[in-house]
């Protein structure tokens, strides 16, 4: 569970920080602009950071 939260949180924070998303196409994967607004970037950072914090708390409390 915590591993999935870490992966999801890291992906959301990476998209918010770089403002790019991977796109799978015929020639291969490439990064395209995500066209996020400032509010969108803030939301992704908040949700991704919260997922990372929850994952680390779950890992710490589980022993």
N, C-alpha and C. Protein backbone atom coordinates (compact mmCIF):
# COMPACT_ATOMS: atom_id res chain seq x y z
N UNK A 1 0.83 -1.20 0.00
CA UNK A 1 0.00 0.00 0.00
C UNK A 1 0.87 1.26 0.00
N UNK A 2 1.87 1.27 0.87
CA UNK A 2 2.71 2.46 0.94
C UNK A 2 3.55 2.63 -0.33
N UNK A 3 3.91 1.51 -0.96
CA UNK A 3 4.68 1.61 -2.20
C UNK A 3 3.84 2.26 -3.30
N UNK A 4 2.57 1.90 -3.36
CA UNK A 4 1.69 2.52 -4.36
C UNK A 4 1.50 4.00 -4.10
N UNK A 5 1.40 4.37 -2.82
CA UNK A 5 1.27 5.79 -2.49
C UNK A 5 2.54 6.56 -2.85
N UNK A 6 3.70 5.96 -2.63
CA UNK A 6 4.96 6.62 -3.00
C UNK A 6 5.03 6.82 -4.51
N UNK A 7 4.68 5.79 -5.27
CA UNK A 7 4.73 5.91 -6.72
C UNK A 7 3.74 6.95 -7.25
N UNK A 8 2.53 6.93 -6.72
CA UNK A 8 1.53 7.90 -7.17
C UNK A 8 1.92 9.32 -6.76
N UNK A 9 2.37 9.49 -5.53
CA UNK A 9 2.78 10.81 -5.07
C UNK A 9 3.96 11.36 -5.85
N UNK A 10 4.94 10.49 -6.11
CA UNK A 10 6.11 10.94 -6.87
C UNK A 10 5.73 11.32 -8.30
N UNK A 11 4.82 10.58 -8.90
CA UNK A 11 4.39 10.90 -10.25
C UNK A 11 3.67 12.25 -10.29
N UNK A 12 2.79 12.49 -9.33
CA UNK A 12 2.05 13.76 -9.30
C UNK A 12 2.97 14.94 -9.07
N UNK A 13 3.91 14.79 -8.15
CA UNK A 13 4.85 15.89 -7.89
C UNK A 13 5.76 16.13 -9.09
N UNK A 14 6.17 15.05 -9.77
CA UNK A 14 7.03 15.21 -10.94
C UNK A 14 6.31 15.93 -12.07
N UNK A 15 5.03 15.62 -12.28
CA UNK A 15 4.26 16.31 -13.32
C UNK A 15 4.09 17.79 -12.95
N UNK A 16 3.82 18.06 -11.69
CA UNK A 16 3.64 19.45 -11.26
C UNK A 16 4.95 20.23 -11.37
N UNK A 17 6.07 19.61 -11.06
CA UNK A 17 7.35 20.31 -11.09
C UNK A 17 7.83 20.56 -12.51
N UNK A 18 7.66 19.58 -13.39
CA UNK A 18 8.19 19.72 -14.75
C UNK A 18 7.17 20.27 -15.74
N UNK A 19 5.87 20.20 -15.40
CA UNK A 19 4.78 20.63 -16.27
C UNK A 19 4.80 19.88 -17.60
N UNK A 20 5.20 18.62 -17.54
CA UNK A 20 5.21 17.75 -18.72
C UNK A 20 4.66 16.38 -18.34
N UNK A 21 4.00 15.73 -19.31
CA UNK A 21 3.46 14.39 -19.10
C UNK A 21 3.96 13.47 -20.20
N UNK A 22 4.15 12.19 -19.90
CA UNK A 22 4.56 11.26 -20.95
C UNK A 22 3.39 10.94 -21.88
N UNK A 23 3.69 10.80 -23.15
CA UNK A 23 2.67 10.44 -24.13
C UNK A 23 3.21 9.29 -24.96
N UNK A 24 2.42 8.23 -25.03
CA UNK A 24 2.82 7.06 -25.81
C UNK A 24 2.27 7.21 -27.22
N UNK A 25 3.15 7.07 -28.18
CA UNK A 25 2.75 7.21 -29.58
C UNK A 25 3.43 6.18 -30.44
N UNK A 26 3.22 6.29 -31.74
CA UNK A 26 3.80 5.33 -32.68
C UNK A 26 5.33 5.35 -32.67
N UNK A 27 5.98 6.54 -32.70
CA UNK A 27 7.45 6.50 -32.72
C UNK A 27 8.06 6.16 -31.36
N UNK A 28 7.28 6.23 -30.31
CA UNK A 28 7.79 5.92 -28.97
C UNK A 28 7.32 6.94 -27.96
N UNK A 29 7.64 6.70 -26.71
CA UNK A 29 7.18 7.65 -25.68
C UNK A 29 7.95 8.97 -25.77
N UNK A 30 7.24 10.05 -25.49
CA UNK A 30 7.87 11.37 -25.47
C UNK A 30 7.14 12.24 -24.45
N UNK A 31 7.78 13.29 -24.03
CA UNK A 31 7.19 14.21 -23.06
C UNK A 31 6.55 15.38 -23.79
N UNK A 32 5.31 15.66 -23.44
CA UNK A 32 4.59 16.78 -24.04
C UNK A 32 4.18 17.73 -22.92
N UNK A 33 3.98 19.01 -23.23
CA UNK A 33 3.57 19.95 -22.18
C UNK A 33 2.22 19.58 -21.57
N UNK A 34 2.11 19.71 -20.26
CA UNK A 34 0.88 19.37 -19.56
C UNK A 34 -0.12 20.52 -19.59
N UNK A 35 0.32 21.74 -19.84
CA UNK A 35 -0.52 22.93 -19.91
C UNK A 35 -1.34 23.12 -18.64
N UNK A 36 -0.68 23.00 -17.49
CA UNK A 36 -1.34 23.17 -16.21
C UNK A 36 -1.38 24.65 -15.83
N UNK A 37 -2.47 25.05 -15.21
CA UNK A 37 -2.53 26.39 -14.65
C UNK A 37 -1.78 26.40 -13.33
N UNK A 38 -1.61 27.57 -12.77
CA UNK A 38 -0.92 27.65 -11.48
C UNK A 38 -1.71 26.92 -10.40
N UNK A 39 -3.03 27.03 -10.45
CA UNK A 39 -3.87 26.31 -9.48
C UNK A 39 -3.77 24.80 -9.68
N UNK A 40 -3.67 24.37 -10.92
CA UNK A 40 -3.52 22.94 -11.20
C UNK A 40 -2.21 22.39 -10.69
N UNK A 41 -1.14 23.16 -10.90
CA UNK A 41 0.16 22.73 -10.39
C UNK A 41 0.17 22.68 -8.87
N UNK A 42 -0.48 23.65 -8.23
CA UNK A 42 -0.55 23.66 -6.77
C UNK A 42 -1.36 22.47 -6.25
N UNK A 43 -2.43 22.13 -6.95
CA UNK A 43 -3.25 20.99 -6.54
C UNK A 43 -2.48 19.69 -6.67
N UNK A 44 -1.78 19.50 -7.80
CA UNK A 44 -1.00 18.27 -7.97
C UNK A 44 0.11 18.16 -6.93
N UNK A 45 0.76 19.28 -6.63
CA UNK A 45 1.81 19.27 -5.62
C UNK A 45 1.25 18.92 -4.25
N UNK A 46 0.10 19.49 -3.91
CA UNK A 46 -0.51 19.24 -2.61
C UNK A 46 -0.95 17.78 -2.47
N UNK A 47 -1.63 17.27 -3.48
CA UNK A 47 -2.12 15.89 -3.42
C UNK A 47 -0.95 14.91 -3.46
N UNK A 48 0.02 15.17 -4.31
CA UNK A 48 1.19 14.28 -4.39
C UNK A 48 2.01 14.31 -3.11
N UNK A 49 2.21 15.49 -2.54
CA UNK A 49 2.95 15.59 -1.29
C UNK A 49 2.21 14.93 -0.14
N UNK A 50 0.89 15.07 -0.13
CA UNK A 50 0.10 14.40 0.90
C UNK A 50 0.19 12.88 0.78
N UNK A 51 0.19 12.37 -0.45
CA UNK A 51 0.33 10.92 -0.66
C UNK A 51 1.70 10.44 -0.19
N UNK A 52 2.74 11.23 -0.44
CA UNK A 52 4.07 10.85 0.02
C UNK A 52 4.17 10.84 1.54
N UNK A 53 3.59 11.84 2.17
CA UNK A 53 3.61 11.90 3.64
C UNK A 53 2.83 10.71 4.21
N UNK A 54 1.67 10.41 3.66
CA UNK A 54 0.87 9.28 4.14
C UNK A 54 1.63 7.97 3.96
N UNK A 55 2.33 7.82 2.84
CA UNK A 55 3.09 6.59 2.61
C UNK A 55 4.21 6.43 3.62
N UNK A 56 4.93 7.50 3.90
CA UNK A 56 6.02 7.40 4.87
C UNK A 56 5.50 7.16 6.28
N UNK A 57 4.35 7.74 6.62
CA UNK A 57 3.76 7.47 7.94
C UNK A 57 3.29 6.02 8.05
N UNK A 58 2.69 5.50 6.99
CA UNK A 58 2.27 4.09 7.01
C UNK A 58 3.47 3.16 7.13
N UNK A 59 4.54 3.48 6.43
CA UNK A 59 5.73 2.64 6.51
C UNK A 59 6.37 2.71 7.88
N UNK A 60 6.36 3.89 8.48
CA UNK A 60 6.98 4.05 9.80
C UNK A 60 6.16 3.37 10.89
N UNK A 61 4.84 3.44 10.77
CA UNK A 61 3.98 2.87 11.80
C UNK A 61 3.83 1.35 11.68
N UNK A 62 4.08 0.81 10.49
CA UNK A 62 3.91 -0.63 10.30
C UNK A 62 5.10 -1.43 10.86
N UNK A 63 6.15 -0.74 11.18
CA UNK A 63 7.26 -1.43 11.81
C UNK A 63 8.40 -1.56 10.89
